[in-house]
Amino acid sequence: MSHTGYNSQRTERKRYKTGTLTLLEIRKYQKTRQLLFKKIPFYKLIRLITNKYSGMEFKWSSNSIFLLQEAFENFLTLFLIDCNICAIHGKRVTIMNKDIYLAKRIRGMKFLIN
């Protein structure tokens, strides 16, 4: 039995330089206007939080969930941009815990500071 037919049909996958696929993925998500978090898990999280802190069951309209999710994603994006700026200021590329802590301090998020 010869295995030459198997090797001739195999196609090699293209290898990218380190970080190229990450940049392509970033550009892809920057072009889209769709939400990044899935709707149902986000809805379950909102219900969990409201039930925990209010003790009552709320009914949420789809528009209110959409607006909450959009505001949350916008907040998270801007917060991570601030964390990245803190990391760059520290002459690093990777975001570390101290960058998150500093970004929280700068933004005045005392309720999130441990």
C-alpha atoms as a PDB file:
ATOM      1  CA  MET A   1       0.000   0.000   0.000  1.00  0.00           C
ATOM      2  CA  SER A   2       1.299   3.357  -0.958  1.00  0.00           C
ATOM      3  CA  HIS A   3       0.570   6.511   1.009  1.00  0.00           C
ATOM      4  CA  THR A   4       1.532   8.889  -1.779  1.00  0.00           C
ATOM      5  CA  GLY A   5      -2.102   9.660  -2.563  1.00  0.00           C
ATOM      6  CA  TYR A   6      -2.713  10.738   1.016  1.00  0.00           C
ATOM      7  CA  ASN A   7       0.210  13.166   1.092  1.00  0.00           C
ATOM      8  CA  SER A   8      -0.566  14.709  -2.272  1.00  0.00           C
ATOM      9  CA  GLN A   9      -4.127  15.598  -1.227  1.00  0.00           C
ATOM     10  CA  ARG A  10      -3.138  17.281   2.026  1.00  0.00           C
ATOM     11  CA  THR A  11      -3.228  21.070   1.884  1.00  0.00           C
ATOM     12  CA  GLU A  12      -1.065  23.090   4.179  1.00  0.00           C
ATOM     13  CA  ARG A  13      -2.714  25.743   6.298  1.00  0.00           C
ATOM     14  CA  LYS A  14      -1.391  29.241   5.934  1.00  0.00           C
ATOM     15  CA  ARG A  15       0.747  30.340   8.877  1.00  0.00           C
ATOM     16  CA  TYR A  16       0.444  33.936  10.002  1.00  0.00           C
ATOM     17  CA  LYS A  17       2.964  35.942  11.962  1.00  0.00           C
ATOM     18  CA  THR A  18       2.337  36.273  15.675  1.00  0.00           C
ATOM     19  CA  GLY A  19      -0.417  38.801  16.334  1.00  0.00           C
ATOM     20  CA  THR A  20      -1.669  39.020  12.742  1.00  0.00           C
ATOM     21  CA  LEU A  21      -4.810  36.984  13.391  1.00  0.00           C
ATOM     22  CA  THR A  22      -5.487  39.039  16.498  1.00  0.00           C
ATOM     23  CA  LEU A  23      -5.327  42.257  14.506  1.00  0.00           C
ATOM     24  CA  LEU A  24      -7.609  40.785  11.832  1.00  0.00           C
ATOM     25  CA  GLU A  25     -10.099  39.800  14.520  1.00  0.00           C
ATOM     26  CA  ILE A  26      -9.960  43.278  16.083  1.00  0.00           C
ATOM     27  CA  ARG A  27     -10.615  44.899  12.711  1.00  0.00           C
ATOM     28  CA  LYS A  28     -13.519  42.515  12.083  1.00  0.00           C
ATOM     29  CA  TYR A  29     -15.198  43.412  15.371  1.00  0.00           C
ATOM     30  CA  GLN A  30     -14.541  47.136  14.867  1.00  0.00           C
ATOM     31  CA  LYS A  31     -16.411  47.029  11.548  1.00  0.00           C
ATOM     32  CA  THR A  32     -19.510  45.332  12.970  1.00  0.00           C
ATOM     33  CA  ARG A  33     -22.262  47.075  14.886  1.00  0.00           C
ATOM     34  CA  GLN A  34     -23.699  43.907  16.383  1.00  0.00           C
ATOM     35  CA  LEU A  35     -23.526  43.114  20.070  1.00  0.00           C
ATOM     36  CA  LEU A  36     -20.700  40.840  21.187  1.00  0.00           C
ATOM     37  CA  PHE A  37     -22.397  39.172  24.156  1.00  0.00           C
ATOM     38  CA  LYS A  38     -25.164  36.690  23.462  1.00  0.00           C
ATOM     39  CA  LYS A  39     -28.638  37.949  24.375  1.00  0.00           C
ATOM     40  CA  ILE A  40     -29.989  35.074  26.461  1.00  0.00           C
ATOM     41  CA  PRO A  41     -27.030  34.741  28.879  1.00  0.00           C
ATOM     42  CA  PHE A  42     -27.000  38.523  29.312  1.00  0.00           C
ATOM     43  CA  TYR A  43     -30.744  38.497  30.016  1.00  0.00           C
ATOM     44  CA  LYS A  44     -30.241  35.754  32.617  1.00  0.00           C
ATOM     45  CA  LEU A  45     -27.477  37.789  34.251  1.00  0.00           C
ATOM     46  CA  ILE A  46     -29.718  40.881  34.434  1.00  0.00           C
ATOM     47  CA  ARG A  47     -32.522  38.827  35.980  1.00  0.00           C
ATOM     48  CA  LEU A  48     -30.109  37.299  38.497  1.00  0.00           C
ATOM     49  CA  ILE A  49     -28.759  40.700  39.552  1.00  0.00           C
ATOM     50  CA  THR A  50     -32.161  42.381  39.839  1.00  0.00           C
ATOM     51  CA  ASN A  51     -33.622  39.469  41.808  1.00  0.00           C
ATOM     52  CA  LYS A  52     -30.634  39.416  44.156  1.00  0.00           C
ATOM     53  CA  TYR A  53     -30.697  43.125  44.996  1.00  0.00           C
ATOM     54  CA  SER A  54     -34.421  43.874  44.856  1.00  0.00           C
ATOM     55  CA  GLY A  55     -36.000  40.634  45.986  1.00  0.00           C
ATOM     56  CA  MET A  56     -38.753  41.079  43.391  1.00  0.00           C
ATOM     57  CA  GLU A  57     -39.318  39.604  39.953  1.00  0.00           C
ATOM     58  CA  PHE A  58     -39.144  42.207  37.178  1.00  0.00           C
ATOM     59  CA  LYS A  59     -40.396  41.908  33.637  1.00  0.00           C
ATOM     60  CA  TRP A  60     -37.975  43.273  31.068  1.00  0.00           C
ATOM     61  CA  SER A  61     -38.907  44.388  27.574  1.00  0.00           C
ATOM     62  CA  SER A  62     -36.618  43.401  24.726  1.00  0.00           C
ATOM     63  CA  ASN A  63     -35.797  47.067  24.045  1.00  0.00           C
ATOM     64  CA  SER A  64     -34.705  47.679  27.627  1.00  0.00           C
ATOM     65  CA  ILE A  65     -32.475  44.584  27.589  1.00  0.00           C
ATOM     66  CA  PHE A  66     -30.985  45.685  24.263  1.00  0.00           C
ATOM     67  CA  LEU A  67     -30.241  49.186  25.590  1.00  0.00           C
ATOM     68  CA  LEU A  68     -28.777  47.814  28.820  1.00  0.00           C
ATOM     69  CA  GLN A  69     -26.574  45.424  26.863  1.00  0.00           C
ATOM     70  CA  GLU A  70     -25.425  48.174  24.511  1.00  0.00           C
ATOM     71  CA  ALA A  71     -24.591  50.458  27.445  1.00  0.00           C
ATOM     72  CA  PHE A  72     -22.757  47.624  29.217  1.00  0.00           C
ATOM     73  CA  GLU A  73     -20.670  46.773  26.149  1.00  0.00           C
ATOM     74  CA  ASN A  74     -19.848  50.449  25.627  1.00  0.00           C
ATOM     75  CA  PHE A  75     -18.802  50.807  29.280  1.00  0.00           C
ATOM     76  CA  LEU A  76     -16.685  47.650  29.135  1.00  0.00           C
ATOM     77  CA  THR A  77     -14.997  48.725  25.894  1.00  0.00           C
ATOM     78  CA  LEU A  78     -14.081  52.151  27.256  1.00  0.00           C
ATOM     79  CA  PHE A  79     -12.900  50.627  30.535  1.00  0.00           C
ATOM     80  CA  LEU A  80     -10.631  48.165  28.720  1.00  0.00           C
ATOM     81  CA  ILE A  81      -9.266  51.016  26.597  1.00  0.00           C
ATOM     82  CA  ASP A  82      -8.362  52.821  29.832  1.00  0.00           C
ATOM     83  CA  CYS A  83      -6.723  49.636  31.159  1.00  0.00           C
ATOM     84  CA  ASN A  84      -4.733  49.327  27.940  1.00  0.00           C
ATOM     85  CA  ILE A  85      -3.572  52.943  28.242  1.00  0.00           C
ATOM     86  CA  CYS A  86      -2.420  52.203  31.808  1.00  0.00           C
ATOM     87  CA  ALA A  87      -0.489  49.169  30.550  1.00  0.00           C
ATOM     88  CA  ILE A  88       1.135  51.214  27.783  1.00  0.00           C
ATOM     89  CA  HIS A  89       2.067  53.861  30.353  1.00  0.00           C
ATOM     90  CA  GLY A  90       3.788  51.107  32.340  1.00  0.00           C
ATOM     91  CA  LYS A  91       5.715  50.159  29.166  1.00  0.00           C
ATOM     92  CA  ARG A  92       3.874  46.852  28.857  1.00  0.00           C
ATOM     93  CA  VAL A  93       1.637  45.256  26.266  1.00  0.00           C
ATOM     94  CA  THR A  94      -0.379  42.946  28.506  1.00  0.00           C
ATOM     95  CA  ILE A  95      -3.075  44.277  30.830  1.00  0.00           C
ATOM     96  CA  MET A  96      -2.359  43.290  34.427  1.00  0.00           C
ATOM     97  CA  ASN A  97      -4.347  43.548  37.665  1.00  0.00           C
ATOM     98  CA  LYS A  98      -2.580  46.766  38.610  1.00  0.00           C
ATOM     99  CA  ASP A  99      -3.756  48.371  35.336  1.00  0.00           C
ATOM    100  CA  ILE A 100      -7.355  47.424  36.087  1.00  0.00           C
ATOM    101  CA  TYR A 101      -7.014  48.781  39.628  1.00  0.00           C
ATOM    102  CA  LEU A 102      -5.507  52.044  38.356  1.00  0.00           C
ATOM    103  CA  ALA A 103      -8.200  52.458  35.697  1.00  0.00           C
ATOM    104  CA  LYS A 104     -10.878  51.939  38.363  1.00  0.00           C
ATOM    105  CA  ARG A 105      -9.222  54.534  40.604  1.00  0.00           C
ATOM    106  CA  ILE A 106      -8.956  57.063  37.778  1.00  0.00           C
ATOM    107  CA  ARG A 107     -12.592  56.551  36.754  1.00  0.00           C
ATOM    108  CA  GLY A 108     -13.721  56.897  40.369  1.00  0.00           C
ATOM    109  CA  MET A 109     -15.337  53.477  40.588  1.00  0.00           C
ATOM    110  CA  LYS A 110     -15.001  53.107  44.341  1.00  0.00           C
ATOM    111  CA  PHE A 111     -17.712  50.463  44.469  1.00  0.00           C
ATOM    112  CA  LEU A 112     -15.590  48.169  42.271  1.00  0.00           C
ATOM    113  CA  ILE A 113     -12.262  48.651  44.068  1.00  0.00           C
ATOM    114  CA  ASN A 114     -11.301  45.705  46.276  1.00  0.00           C
END
